[in-house]
Amino acid sequence: MKLLRFILIFTLFNQLEVIHAQGIAENSGNEFKVKIGNIGFAIDSIDFHLGTVLTGKLFEKEIEITNQGNKTISFLNNKQQPWLDVMVNPSSLGPGSSGTIIMKFNPDLTYQQGKFDAEMSIQTDDAINPYKYLYFTAFITEDTNSRFGVGIIDSVPRLIFDQLNYSFGDLTRSKVFDQTFTFANLGAEELVIDSLAFSKGCKILSYPKKNYLPGETGVIQVRINTMYSYGIQHRWVKIHSNDPRNPIIILGTHGSVYLKSEKNRDPDFCYE
């Protein structure tokens, strides 16, 4: 009889936990529109926009979260890229309780300007879905009110490119295309480009000059030739300079090269 009473009480307790969690989810539905596993996020989509982010400043964003399950969920190591730090407070959420994700985004460490796309991963012990992936975009632009001068982000030479990687998508073998990488010296001292190196299948069409004054811009134009290879391709250009923060910068082009044109490919055959 005692055992039966214990089973009934235990079952009732679990049902109350589920009802409580469901109630939280229903009442918070308008706020926590995204649900991954048992965690609800106070954002409209797993893809969100940070807006304009100025160089020379640490950008912070907070995202409210809630545990919509019936068990406590802990947040584990959330190590990200060098330009992104993520903390969750508190580190564990009981059923129906809420917390905050704190993003700290350093645009200077991305070494690029303009549109920037990235992924944020959050690791938990959620039994349904332990990994939560969110995707964000930002538009990185110069802080013209920088203490080092207009458009200058540092007191030393700084080699900053508009982009470090270019995806050329899918190509048929033997295609040739050109890509231009634009850069600027956003440091307060003269930038000196010491040397360039490049991979096979990559040719430099426009070499930069050796010296660039603060604020001065330049370009590196490369030609990619897919004549002799197919499959997933990675081509690179390596730049050595006197930028003490990043003395070596690697520009990359990536994509897939196929033997046949798209209309003649066998969809069941993997060319990579």
Protein backbone atom coordinates (compact mmCIF):
# COMPACT_ATOMS: atom_id res chain seq x y z
CA MET A 1 0.00 0.00 0.00
CA LYS A 2 2.84 2.39 0.86
CA LEU A 3 4.59 1.51 -2.40
CA LEU A 4 1.43 2.23 -4.39
CA ARG A 5 1.01 5.58 -2.61
CA PHE A 6 4.64 6.49 -3.38
CA ILE A 7 4.17 5.62 -7.08
CA LEU A 8 1.00 7.76 -7.27
CA ILE A 9 2.70 10.74 -5.59
CA PHE A 10 5.79 10.43 -7.84
CA THR A 11 3.63 10.21 -10.97
CA LEU A 12 1.56 13.22 -9.89
CA PHE A 13 4.73 15.24 -9.21
CA ASN A 14 6.08 14.52 -12.71
CA GLN A 15 2.75 15.46 -14.28
CA LEU A 16 2.75 18.76 -12.39
CA GLU A 17 6.28 19.48 -13.65
CA VAL A 18 5.19 18.86 -17.25
CA ILE A 19 2.07 21.02 -16.83
CA HIS A 20 4.15 23.79 -15.24
CA ALA A 21 6.69 23.72 -18.08
CA GLN A 22 3.92 23.69 -20.70
CA GLY A 23 2.26 26.62 -18.99
CA ILE A 24 5.48 28.60 -19.09
CA ALA A 25 5.90 27.81 -22.79
CA GLU A 26 2.31 28.83 -23.58
CA ASN A 27 2.46 32.04 -21.57
CA SER A 28 5.86 32.95 -23.03
CA GLY A 29 5.06 31.94 -26.61
CA ASN A 30 4.94 35.53 -27.83
CA GLU A 31 8.35 36.27 -26.34
CA PHE A 32 10.27 33.01 -26.85
CA LYS A 33 9.50 32.39 -30.52
CA VAL A 34 12.44 30.07 -31.20
CA LYS A 35 12.66 26.69 -29.49
CA ILE A 36 15.62 24.34 -29.89
CA GLY A 37 15.19 21.18 -27.85
CA ASN A 38 13.81 22.30 -24.50
CA ILE A 39 15.28 25.82 -24.61
CA GLY A 40 13.23 28.77 -25.83
CA PHE A 41 14.97 31.89 -27.18
CA ALA A 42 13.56 35.43 -27.16
CA ILE A 43 14.39 36.04 -30.82
CA ASP A 44 12.27 35.91 -33.97
CA SER A 45 14.44 33.37 -35.83
CA ILE A 46 17.63 31.32 -35.47
CA ASP A 47 19.04 33.87 -37.95
CA PHE A 48 19.27 37.36 -36.46
CA HIS A 49 20.99 40.63 -37.30
CA LEU A 50 23.25 42.67 -34.99
CA GLY A 51 22.98 45.77 -37.17
CA THR A 52 25.93 48.10 -37.72
CA VAL A 53 28.96 47.27 -35.57
CA LEU A 54 31.77 49.81 -35.24
CA THR A 55 35.42 48.82 -35.23
CA GLY A 56 37.45 49.59 -32.14
CA LYS A 57 34.54 48.72 -29.83
CA LEU A 58 33.27 45.57 -28.13
CA PHE A 59 29.69 44.90 -29.17
CA GLU A 60 27.44 43.20 -26.58
CA LYS A 61 24.01 41.63 -27.02
CA GLU A 62 21.81 39.80 -24.53
CA ILE A 63 19.27 37.12 -25.49
CA GLU A 64 16.72 35.94 -22.94
CA ILE A 65 16.17 32.17 -22.73
CA THR A 66 13.84 29.84 -20.83
CA ASN A 67 13.78 26.15 -19.98
CA GLN A 68 10.53 24.81 -21.42
CA GLY A 69 11.23 21.20 -20.42
CA ASN A 70 10.61 19.32 -17.19
CA LYS A 71 14.26 18.75 -16.17
CA THR A 72 17.12 21.04 -15.18
CA ILE A 73 19.41 21.92 -18.11
CA SER A 74 23.07 22.90 -17.64
CA PHE A 75 25.13 24.96 -20.10
CA LEU A 76 28.56 23.51 -20.75
CA ASN A 77 31.74 24.89 -22.34
CA ASN A 78 30.66 27.49 -24.90
CA LYS A 79 34.05 28.35 -26.39
CA GLN A 80 33.60 30.24 -29.68
CA GLN A 81 35.79 31.90 -32.29
CA PRO A 82 38.43 34.43 -31.11
CA TRP A 83 36.11 37.31 -32.05
CA LEU A 84 33.11 35.94 -30.09
CA ASP A 85 32.68 35.22 -26.39
CA VAL A 86 29.46 33.67 -25.10
CA MET A 87 28.33 33.35 -21.47
CA VAL A 88 25.07 31.97 -20.06
CA ASN A 89 23.77 33.28 -16.75
CA PRO A 90 22.90 31.27 -14.73
CA SER A 91 24.80 28.21 -15.88
CA SER A 92 21.83 25.92 -15.10
CA LEU A 93 18.10 26.45 -15.62
CA GLY A 94 15.40 24.55 -13.78
CA PRO A 95 12.06 23.75 -15.45
CA GLY A 96 10.24 26.97 -16.29
CA SER A 97 13.11 29.25 -15.21
CA SER A 98 14.77 31.88 -17.38
CA GLY A 99 18.28 33.14 -17.99
CA THR A 100 20.38 35.24 -20.34
CA ILE A 101 22.88 34.56 -23.11
CA ILE A 102 25.51 37.30 -23.19
CA MET A 103 27.28 37.76 -26.55
CA LYS A 104 30.50 39.79 -26.71
CA PHE A 105 31.52 40.42 -30.33
CA ASN A 106 34.88 42.01 -31.18
CA PRO A 107 34.74 43.16 -34.84
CA ASP A 108 38.47 44.03 -34.90
CA LEU A 109 39.37 40.34 -34.54
CA THR A 110 37.41 39.40 -37.69
CA TYR A 111 39.90 41.45 -39.77
CA GLN A 112 37.26 42.45 -42.27
CA GLN A 113 34.61 45.06 -42.92
CA GLY A 114 31.21 45.05 -44.55
CA LYS A 115 28.72 42.22 -44.21
CA PHE A 116 29.82 39.50 -41.78
CA ASP A 117 28.08 36.13 -41.25
CA ALA A 118 28.84 33.83 -38.32
CA GLU A 119 27.58 30.97 -36.18
CA MET A 120 27.14 30.81 -32.42
CA SER A 121 27.00 27.36 -30.81
CA ILE A 122 25.71 26.66 -27.31
CA GLN A 123 26.42 23.29 -25.70
CA THR A 124 24.04 21.89 -23.08
CA ASP A 125 23.07 18.58 -21.48
CA ASP A 126 19.57 18.88 -22.95
CA ALA A 127 18.53 15.28 -23.72
CA ILE A 128 16.51 16.30 -26.78
CA ASN A 129 19.07 18.53 -28.49
CA PRO A 130 22.35 19.21 -26.65
CA TYR A 131 23.72 21.67 -29.25
CA LYS A 132 21.93 24.93 -30.02
CA TYR A 133 23.10 26.73 -33.16
CA LEU A 134 22.22 30.37 -33.84
CA TYR A 135 23.35 32.36 -36.86
CA PHE A 136 23.93 36.08 -36.96
CA THR A 137 24.98 38.77 -39.41
CA ALA A 138 26.50 42.17 -38.80
CA PHE A 139 27.66 45.07 -40.92
CA ILE A 140 31.13 46.02 -39.71
CA THR A 141 32.21 49.57 -40.42
CA GLU A 142 34.97 51.93 -39.33
CA ASP A 143 34.56 54.07 -36.24
CA THR A 144 35.30 57.48 -37.74
CA ASN A 145 35.53 58.96 -34.25
CA SER A 146 38.44 56.71 -33.32
CA ARG A 147 40.91 58.19 -30.87
CA PHE A 148 43.71 57.47 -33.38
CA GLY A 149 42.19 59.65 -36.11
CA VAL A 150 39.50 59.40 -38.76
CA GLY A 151 39.12 55.77 -39.85
CA ILE A 152 42.17 54.63 -37.86
CA ILE A 153 41.64 51.76 -35.42
CA ASP A 154 45.10 51.30 -33.92
CA SER A 155 48.35 53.09 -33.08
CA VAL A 156 50.46 50.60 -35.09
CA PRO A 157 50.33 49.51 -38.78
CA ARG A 158 47.12 47.53 -39.41
CA LEU A 159 46.46 45.59 -42.60
CA ILE A 160 42.66 45.20 -42.84
CA PHE A 161 40.90 43.49 -45.78
CA ASP A 162 37.29 43.92 -46.85
CA GLN A 163 37.06 40.10 -46.80
CA LEU A 164 39.41 37.22 -46.12
CA ASN A 165 37.51 34.43 -47.88
CA TYR A 166 35.59 34.22 -51.14
CA SER A 167 33.30 31.34 -52.13
CA PHE A 168 33.06 30.83 -55.89
CA GLY A 169 30.33 28.18 -55.54
CA ASP A 170 30.10 25.39 -58.15
CA LEU A 171 32.08 25.58 -61.40
CA THR A 172 32.68 23.30 -64.35
CA ARG A 173 36.35 22.38 -64.80
CA SER A 174 38.46 24.66 -67.04
CA LYS A 175 36.72 27.82 -65.83
CA VAL A 176 38.90 30.83 -65.05
CA PHE A 177 37.78 33.76 -62.89
CA ASP A 178 39.32 36.80 -61.22
CA GLN A 179 38.76 37.98 -57.66
CA THR A 180 39.80 41.31 -56.12
CA PHE A 181 40.59 41.71 -52.41
CA THR A 182 40.60 45.32 -51.18
CA PHE A 183 42.57 46.37 -48.11
CA ALA A 184 43.54 49.47 -46.15
CA ASN A 185 46.15 50.50 -43.63
CA LEU A 186 43.93 51.37 -40.66
CA GLY A 187 46.89 51.91 -38.38
CA ALA A 188 48.55 55.16 -37.37
CA GLU A 189 51.98 54.13 -38.74
CA GLU A 190 53.20 53.21 -42.22
CA LEU A 191 52.33 49.70 -43.40
CA VAL A 192 55.03 47.71 -45.19
CA ILE A 193 54.09 44.62 -47.23
CA ASP A 194 57.15 42.40 -47.19
CA SER A 195 56.14 39.52 -49.48
CA LEU A 196 53.34 37.49 -51.06
CA ALA A 197 53.04 33.73 -51.64
CA PHE A 198 50.26 31.83 -53.40
CA SER A 199 49.07 28.29 -54.01
CA LYS A 200 49.02 26.28 -57.22
CA GLY A 201 46.26 27.35 -59.60
CA CYS A 202 46.29 30.89 -58.21
CA LYS A 203 48.00 33.73 -60.08
CA ILE A 204 48.53 37.30 -58.85
CA LEU A 205 47.29 39.77 -61.49
CA SER A 206 47.71 42.95 -59.46
CA TYR A 207 50.45 43.12 -56.85
CA PRO A 208 50.22 45.72 -54.07
CA LYS A 209 52.98 48.25 -53.67
CA LYS A 210 55.35 47.93 -50.73
CA ASN A 211 54.45 50.93 -48.53
CA TYR A 212 51.07 52.35 -47.46
CA LEU A 213 50.51 55.46 -45.36
CA PRO A 214 47.83 55.52 -42.62
CA GLY A 215 44.38 55.40 -44.24
CA GLU A 216 45.74 54.46 -47.68
CA THR A 217 44.03 51.64 -49.60
CA GLY A 218 45.17 49.00 -52.09
CA VAL A 219 44.05 45.86 -53.90
CA ILE A 220 45.29 42.36 -54.60
CA GLN A 221 43.72 40.80 -57.70
CA VAL A 222 44.04 37.06 -58.21
CA ARG A 223 43.13 34.72 -61.07
CA ILE A 224 41.88 31.22 -60.29
CA ASN A 225 42.36 28.53 -62.95
CA THR A 226 40.42 25.25 -62.57
CA MET A 227 41.90 23.57 -65.66
CA TYR A 228 43.79 20.74 -63.99
CA SER A 229 41.71 19.72 -60.98
CA TYR A 230 38.19 18.98 -59.80
CA GLY A 231 36.36 18.39 -56.54
CA ILE A 232 36.43 20.69 -53.51
CA GLN A 233 39.02 23.42 -54.11
CA HIS A 234 40.92 25.71 -51.74
CA ARG A 235 43.30 28.34 -53.16
CA TRP A 236 45.17 30.87 -51.06
CA VAL A 237 47.37 33.95 -51.02
CA LYS A 238 49.64 34.59 -48.04
CA ILE A 239 50.67 38.18 -47.19
CA HIS A 240 53.57 39.05 -44.89
CA SER A 241 53.65 42.61 -43.49
CA ASN A 242 54.85 44.68 -40.55
CA ASP A 243 51.38 44.61 -38.94
CA PRO A 244 52.36 43.46 -35.41
CA ARG A 245 48.84 42.19 -34.67
CA ASN A 246 48.69 39.97 -37.77
CA PRO A 247 52.09 39.68 -39.49
CA ILE A 248 50.74 36.90 -41.75
CA ILE A 249 47.29 37.10 -43.35
CA ILE A 250 45.87 34.38 -45.59
CA LEU A 251 43.26 35.13 -48.25
CA GLY A 252 41.26 32.13 -49.42
CA THR A 253 38.96 31.15 -52.29
CA HIS A 254 36.80 28.06 -51.91
CA GLY A 255 34.31 26.11 -53.98
CA SER A 256 33.60 22.93 -55.95
CA VAL A 257 34.80 22.14 -59.46
CA TYR A 258 32.91 19.54 -61.50
CA LEU A 259 33.96 17.54 -64.57
CA LYS A 260 30.67 18.17 -66.34
CA SER A 261 28.27 21.07 -66.68
CA GLU A 262 25.31 21.12 -64.30
CA LYS A 263 22.78 19.80 -66.86
CA ASN A 264 25.02 16.83 -67.76
CA ARG A 265 25.91 15.74 -64.21
CA ASP A 266 24.74 12.45 -62.74
CA PRO A 267 22.97 13.49 -59.49
CA ASP A 268 23.78 10.09 -57.93
CA PHE A 269 27.52 10.43 -58.48
CA CYS A 270 29.74 12.40 -56.09
CA TYR A 271 32.46 14.30 -57.93
CA GLU A 272 34.22 15.29 -54.71
